[in-house]
C-alpha atoms as a PDB file:
ATOM      1  CA  THR A   1     -18.342  17.669  -1.689  1.00  0.00           C
ATOM      2  CA  SER A   2     -14.709  18.762  -2.070  1.00  0.00           C
ATOM      3  CA  ARG A   3     -13.931  17.889   1.623  1.00  0.00           C
ATOM      4  CA  TRP A   4     -15.434  14.497   1.212  1.00  0.00           C
ATOM      5  CA  TYR A   5     -13.642  13.996  -1.986  1.00  0.00           C
ATOM      6  CA  SER A   6     -10.041  14.751  -0.311  1.00  0.00           C
ATOM      7  CA  LEU A   7     -10.995  12.448   2.515  1.00  0.00           C
ATOM      8  CA  PHE A   8     -11.749   9.594  -0.024  1.00  0.00           C
ATOM      9  CA  PHE A   9      -8.458  10.415  -2.011  1.00  0.00           C
ATOM     10  CA  VAL A  10      -6.429  10.554   1.341  1.00  0.00           C
ATOM     11  CA  LEU A  11      -7.888   6.895   2.289  1.00  0.00           C
ATOM     12  CA  TYR A  12      -7.424   5.857  -1.219  1.00  0.00           C
ATOM     13  CA  VAL A  13      -3.623   6.777  -1.411  1.00  0.00           C
ATOM     14  CA  LEU A  14      -3.003   5.033   2.145  1.00  0.00           C
ATOM     15  CA  LEU A  15      -4.722   2.034   1.130  1.00  0.00           C
ATOM     16  CA  GLY A  16      -2.623   2.176  -2.260  1.00  0.00           C
ATOM     17  CA  VAL A  17       0.750   2.509  -0.041  1.00  0.00           C
ATOM     18  CA  TYR A  18      -0.237  -0.247   2.389  1.00  0.00           C
ATOM     19  CA  PHE A  19      -0.795  -2.854  -0.454  1.00  0.00           C
ATOM     20  CA  VAL A  20       2.524  -1.876  -2.425  1.00  0.00           C
ATOM     21  CA  THR A  21       4.468  -1.928   0.852  1.00  0.00           C
ATOM     22  CA  ASN A  22       3.045  -5.466   1.634  1.00  0.00           C
ATOM     23  CA  LEU A  23       3.612  -6.739  -2.010  1.00  0.00           C
ATOM     24  CA  ILE A  24       7.504  -5.656  -1.533  1.00  0.00           C
ATOM     25  CA  LEU A  25       7.824  -7.117   1.753  1.00  0.00           C
ATOM     26  CA  ALA A  26       6.350 -10.220   0.385  1.00  0.00           C
ATOM     27  CA  VAL A  27       8.795 -10.601  -2.470  1.00  0.00           C
ATOM     28  CA  VAL A  28      11.535  -9.519  -0.319  1.00  0.00           C
ATOM     29  CA  TYR A  29      10.654 -12.130   2.414  1.00  0.00           C
ATOM     30  CA  ASP A  30      10.458 -14.709  -0.621  1.00  0.00           C
ATOM     31  CA  SER A  31      13.769 -13.758  -1.881  1.00  0.00           C
ATOM     32  CA  PHE A  32      15.429 -13.998   1.621  1.00  0.00           C
ATOM     33  CA  LYS A  33      13.691 -17.406   2.256  1.00  0.00           C
ATOM     34  CA  ASP A  34      15.057 -19.183  -0.795  1.00  0.00           C
ATOM     35  CA  GLN A  35      18.580 -18.447  -0.028  1.00  0.00           C
END
């Protein structure tokens, strides 16, 4: 069960990083678009 837990944790972290990166890129794109 420990192996599945670590796999789920890695998947969760990757998803979080992907979401945060998209959020930051969207904010940067918005600020550049307004100028």
